[in-house]
Amino acid sequence: MTTWMMLTAPILVMLSITCVILQRQHLLMALLALEAMILALVIMTIITLNTSWSMFIIVMLTFGACEASLGLACMTAMSRSYGNDRLNSLTTNKC
């Protein structure tokens, strides 16, 4: 069971990086791709390391959750201010 996980976890990381590169215009899609990358890295860490590193895995998941909540708060503030989540709308001046 863990052999297919060891093969798919790096592929998930590469797909997440590709999604960030392709969807760099929309903030929500980039945040979702970054969250998928964090979860793939956690899966890789669980598979490769033994159970003595369980605290490191919990800390990594905590940082991933904090990153997701901070990104969602920034996206909510941006969508309320500018009306959308497109990153190129940050450069427009609305006086």
N, C-alpha and C. Protein backbone atom coordinates (compact mmCIF):
# COMPACT_ATOMS: atom_id res chain seq x y z
N MET A 1 0.82 -1.20 0.00
CA MET A 1 0.00 0.00 0.00
C MET A 1 0.86 1.25 0.00
N THR A 2 1.95 1.23 0.69
CA THR A 2 2.76 2.43 0.77
C THR A 2 3.61 2.63 -0.48
N THR A 3 3.78 1.61 -1.30
CA THR A 3 4.60 1.79 -2.50
C THR A 3 3.92 2.71 -3.50
N TRP A 4 2.62 2.58 -3.69
CA TRP A 4 1.95 3.49 -4.62
C TRP A 4 1.87 4.90 -4.05
N MET A 5 1.83 5.00 -2.72
CA MET A 5 1.84 6.33 -2.10
C MET A 5 3.20 7.00 -2.27
N MET A 6 4.26 6.20 -2.21
CA MET A 6 5.59 6.76 -2.41
C MET A 6 5.78 7.24 -3.84
N LEU A 7 5.08 6.63 -4.77
CA LEU A 7 5.18 7.05 -6.17
C LEU A 7 4.29 8.25 -6.48
N THR A 8 3.14 8.33 -5.84
CA THR A 8 2.20 9.40 -6.18
C THR A 8 2.45 10.70 -5.43
N ALA A 9 3.07 10.65 -4.26
CA ALA A 9 3.28 11.87 -3.49
C ALA A 9 4.19 12.87 -4.21
N PRO A 10 5.32 12.48 -4.80
CA PRO A 10 6.10 13.46 -5.57
C PRO A 10 5.37 13.97 -6.80
N ILE A 11 4.54 13.13 -7.39
CA ILE A 11 3.75 13.57 -8.54
C ILE A 11 2.74 14.62 -8.11
N LEU A 12 2.16 14.45 -6.92
CA LEU A 12 1.23 15.45 -6.40
C LEU A 12 1.92 16.79 -6.16
N VAL A 13 3.14 16.75 -5.67
CA VAL A 13 3.88 17.99 -5.44
C VAL A 13 4.15 18.69 -6.77
N MET A 14 4.57 17.92 -7.77
CA MET A 14 4.84 18.52 -9.09
C MET A 14 3.57 19.06 -9.74
N LEU A 15 2.46 18.35 -9.58
CA LEU A 15 1.19 18.85 -10.11
C LEU A 15 0.75 20.13 -9.39
N SER A 16 1.02 20.22 -8.11
CA SER A 16 0.68 21.44 -7.37
C SER A 16 1.51 22.62 -7.83
N ILE A 17 2.80 22.39 -8.06
CA ILE A 17 3.66 23.46 -8.56
C ILE A 17 3.21 23.90 -9.95
N THR A 18 2.84 22.93 -10.79
CA THR A 18 2.34 23.26 -12.12
C THR A 18 1.04 24.06 -12.05
N CYS A 19 0.16 23.70 -11.13
CA CYS A 19 -1.09 24.43 -10.97
C CYS A 19 -0.85 25.85 -10.48
N VAL A 20 0.12 26.05 -9.59
CA VAL A 20 0.45 27.40 -9.13
C VAL A 20 0.97 28.23 -10.29
N ILE A 21 1.80 27.63 -11.13
CA ILE A 21 2.35 28.36 -12.27
C ILE A 21 1.26 28.70 -13.28
N LEU A 22 0.37 27.76 -13.56
CA LEU A 22 -0.67 28.00 -14.56
C LEU A 22 -1.78 28.92 -14.06
N GLN A 23 -2.12 28.84 -12.78
CA GLN A 23 -3.23 29.61 -12.23
C GLN A 23 -2.74 30.76 -11.37
N ARG A 24 -1.68 31.42 -11.77
CA ARG A 24 -1.12 32.50 -10.95
C ARG A 24 -1.96 33.76 -11.00
N GLN A 25 -2.94 33.83 -11.89
CA GLN A 25 -3.81 35.00 -11.97
C GLN A 25 -4.83 35.03 -10.83
N HIS A 26 -5.35 33.88 -10.47
CA HIS A 26 -6.39 33.81 -9.44
C HIS A 26 -5.78 33.37 -8.12
N LEU A 27 -6.02 34.13 -7.08
CA LEU A 27 -5.44 33.86 -5.78
C LEU A 27 -6.00 32.61 -5.14
N LEU A 28 -7.29 32.34 -5.29
CA LEU A 28 -7.90 31.18 -4.66
C LEU A 28 -7.33 29.89 -5.23
N MET A 29 -7.15 29.81 -6.53
CA MET A 29 -6.58 28.60 -7.12
C MET A 29 -5.14 28.39 -6.69
N ALA A 30 -4.39 29.46 -6.56
CA ALA A 30 -3.00 29.34 -6.10
C ALA A 30 -2.96 28.87 -4.65
N LEU A 31 -3.86 29.37 -3.83
CA LEU A 31 -3.90 28.94 -2.42
C LEU A 31 -4.29 27.47 -2.30
N LEU A 32 -5.24 27.03 -3.12
CA LEU A 32 -5.63 25.62 -3.09
C LEU A 32 -4.49 24.72 -3.55
N ALA A 33 -3.74 25.16 -4.55
CA ALA A 33 -2.60 24.37 -5.00
C ALA A 33 -1.51 24.31 -3.94
N LEU A 34 -1.28 25.42 -3.23
CA LEU A 34 -0.29 25.40 -2.15
C LEU A 34 -0.73 24.49 -1.01
N GLU A 35 -2.01 24.46 -0.73
CA GLU A 35 -2.51 23.56 0.32
C GLU A 35 -2.36 22.10 -0.10
N ALA A 36 -2.60 21.80 -1.36
CA ALA A 36 -2.39 20.44 -1.85
C ALA A 36 -0.92 20.04 -1.77
N MET A 37 -0.04 21.01 -2.02
CA MET A 37 1.39 20.72 -1.92
C MET A 37 1.79 20.43 -0.47
N ILE A 38 1.26 21.17 0.47
CA ILE A 38 1.56 20.93 1.89
C ILE A 38 1.07 19.53 2.29
N LEU A 39 -0.13 19.16 1.85
CA LEU A 39 -0.65 17.85 2.21
C LEU A 39 0.16 16.73 1.56
N ALA A 40 0.63 16.93 0.33
CA ALA A 40 1.48 15.93 -0.32
C ALA A 40 2.81 15.80 0.40
N LEU A 41 3.36 16.92 0.87
CA LEU A 41 4.61 16.85 1.63
C LEU A 41 4.42 16.15 2.97
N VAL A 42 3.26 16.33 3.59
CA VAL A 42 2.97 15.63 4.84
C VAL A 42 2.86 14.13 4.58
N ILE A 43 2.21 13.76 3.48
CA ILE A 43 2.10 12.34 3.13
C ILE A 43 3.48 11.75 2.89
N MET A 44 4.34 12.48 2.18
CA MET A 44 5.70 12.00 1.93
C MET A 44 6.47 11.86 3.24
N THR A 45 6.29 12.78 4.16
CA THR A 45 6.98 12.72 5.44
C THR A 45 6.49 11.53 6.27
N ILE A 46 5.20 11.29 6.26
CA ILE A 46 4.65 10.15 7.01
C ILE A 46 5.18 8.84 6.45
N ILE A 47 5.28 8.75 5.14
CA ILE A 47 5.72 7.50 4.52
C ILE A 47 7.21 7.25 4.76
N THR A 48 8.02 8.28 4.59
CA THR A 48 9.46 8.07 4.63
C THR A 48 10.04 8.03 6.04
N LEU A 49 9.48 8.77 6.97
CA LEU A 49 10.03 8.80 8.32
C LEU A 49 9.28 7.84 9.23
N ASN A 50 9.93 7.45 10.29
CA ASN A 50 9.28 6.55 11.23
C ASN A 50 8.40 7.34 12.19
N THR A 51 7.82 6.66 13.16
CA THR A 51 6.83 7.29 14.04
C THR A 51 7.46 8.20 15.08
N SER A 52 8.79 8.21 15.21
CA SER A 52 9.40 9.10 16.19
C SER A 52 9.34 10.56 15.76
N TRP A 53 9.02 10.82 14.51
CA TRP A 53 8.92 12.18 13.99
C TRP A 53 7.48 12.68 13.97
N SER A 54 6.62 12.12 14.80
CA SER A 54 5.21 12.48 14.75
C SER A 54 4.97 13.94 15.16
N MET A 55 5.79 14.47 16.05
CA MET A 55 5.63 15.87 16.44
C MET A 55 5.96 16.80 15.28
N PHE A 56 6.96 16.46 14.49
CA PHE A 56 7.30 17.25 13.31
C PHE A 56 6.14 17.26 12.31
N ILE A 57 5.47 16.14 12.17
CA ILE A 57 4.32 16.05 11.25
C ILE A 57 3.18 16.93 11.76
N ILE A 58 2.95 16.93 13.06
CA ILE A 58 1.89 17.77 13.63
C ILE A 58 2.22 19.25 13.45
N VAL A 59 3.48 19.62 13.64
CA VAL A 59 3.90 21.01 13.45
C VAL A 59 3.74 21.40 11.99
N MET A 60 4.08 20.51 11.07
CA MET A 60 3.94 20.80 9.64
C MET A 60 2.47 21.00 9.26
N LEU A 61 1.61 20.16 9.80
CA LEU A 61 0.17 20.33 9.54
C LEU A 61 -0.36 21.63 10.15
N THR A 62 0.14 22.01 11.31
CA THR A 62 -0.28 23.26 11.94
C THR A 62 0.13 24.45 11.10
N PHE A 63 1.37 24.45 10.61
CA PHE A 63 1.81 25.54 9.75
C PHE A 63 1.01 25.59 8.45
N GLY A 64 0.65 24.43 7.91
CA GLY A 64 -0.19 24.39 6.71
C GLY A 64 -1.56 24.98 6.96
N ALA A 65 -2.15 24.69 8.11
CA ALA A 65 -3.46 25.25 8.44
C ALA A 65 -3.38 26.75 8.66
N CYS A 66 -2.31 27.21 9.31
CA CYS A 66 -2.13 28.65 9.51
C CYS A 66 -1.93 29.37 8.18
N GLU A 67 -1.18 28.76 7.28
CA GLU A 67 -0.97 29.35 5.96
C GLU A 67 -2.28 29.44 5.19
N ALA A 68 -3.09 28.42 5.30
CA ALA A 68 -4.36 28.43 4.59
C ALA A 68 -5.31 29.48 5.15
N SER A 69 -5.37 29.61 6.46
CA SER A 69 -6.28 30.60 7.05
C SER A 69 -5.81 32.02 6.77
N LEU A 70 -4.52 32.25 6.80
CA LEU A 70 -3.99 33.58 6.49
C LEU A 70 -4.23 33.94 5.03
N GLY A 71 -4.03 33.00 4.14
CA GLY A 71 -4.29 33.25 2.72
C GLY A 71 -5.76 33.50 2.45
N LEU A 72 -6.62 32.76 3.11
CA LEU A 72 -8.06 32.97 2.92
C LEU A 72 -8.50 34.33 3.47
N ALA A 73 -7.92 34.76 4.58
CA ALA A 73 -8.24 36.08 5.13
C ALA A 73 -7.77 37.18 4.19
N CYS A 74 -6.58 37.03 3.62
CA CYS A 74 -6.08 38.03 2.66
C CYS A 74 -6.95 38.05 1.40
N MET A 75 -7.37 36.87 0.94
CA MET A 75 -8.20 36.81 -0.25
C MET A 75 -9.58 37.43 0.01
N THR A 76 -10.14 37.22 1.20
CA THR A 76 -11.43 37.80 1.54
C THR A 76 -11.34 39.32 1.59
N ALA A 77 -10.28 39.84 2.20
CA ALA A 77 -10.10 41.29 2.25
C ALA A 77 -9.90 41.87 0.85
N MET A 78 -9.18 41.15 0.02
CA MET A 78 -8.94 41.63 -1.34
C MET A 78 -10.22 41.60 -2.17
N SER A 79 -11.01 40.54 -2.03
CA SER A 79 -12.24 40.47 -2.82
C SER A 79 -13.27 41.48 -2.34
N ARG A 80 -13.25 41.84 -1.07
CA ARG A 80 -14.15 42.90 -0.59
C ARG A 80 -13.71 44.27 -1.08
N SER A 81 -12.41 44.47 -1.18
CA SER A 81 -11.90 45.78 -1.61
C SER A 81 -12.00 45.96 -3.11
N TYR A 82 -11.60 44.95 -3.88
CA TYR A 82 -11.49 45.08 -5.33
C TYR A 82 -12.61 44.40 -6.10
N GLY A 83 -13.37 43.52 -5.46
CA GLY A 83 -14.50 42.89 -6.12
C GLY A 83 -14.18 41.56 -6.78
N ASN A 84 -12.91 41.16 -6.83
CA ASN A 84 -12.55 39.86 -7.40
C ASN A 84 -11.26 39.38 -6.77
N ASP A 85 -10.83 38.19 -7.18
CA ASP A 85 -9.60 37.63 -6.60
C ASP A 85 -8.47 37.58 -7.61
N ARG A 86 -8.57 38.37 -8.65
CA ARG A 86 -7.50 38.40 -9.65
C ARG A 86 -6.35 39.26 -9.16
N LEU A 87 -5.15 38.75 -9.31
CA LEU A 87 -3.98 39.44 -8.78
C LEU A 87 -3.63 40.70 -9.57
N ASN A 88 -4.00 40.76 -10.85
CA ASN A 88 -3.66 41.97 -11.61
C ASN A 88 -4.57 43.14 -11.26
N SER A 89 -5.64 42.92 -10.49
CA SER A 89 -6.48 44.04 -10.06
C SER A 89 -5.85 44.80 -8.89
N LEU A 90 -4.78 44.26 -8.33
CA LEU A 90 -4.11 44.96 -7.23
C LEU A 90 -3.37 46.19 -7.73
N THR A 91 -3.01 46.21 -9.00
CA THR A 91 -2.22 47.33 -9.52
C THR A 91 -3.07 48.48 -10.02
N THR A 92 -4.37 48.29 -10.11
CA THR A 92 -5.24 49.37 -10.56
C THR A 92 -5.50 50.34 -9.42
N ASN A 93 -5.55 51.59 -9.73
CA ASN A 93 -5.84 52.62 -8.74
C ASN A 93 -7.32 52.96 -8.77
N LYS A 94 -7.98 52.82 -7.66
CA LYS A 94 -9.39 53.19 -7.56
C LYS A 94 -9.49 54.29 -6.52
N CYS A 95 -9.55 55.51 -7.00
CA CYS A 95 -9.62 56.64 -6.08
C CYS A 95 -11.05 57.09 -5.87
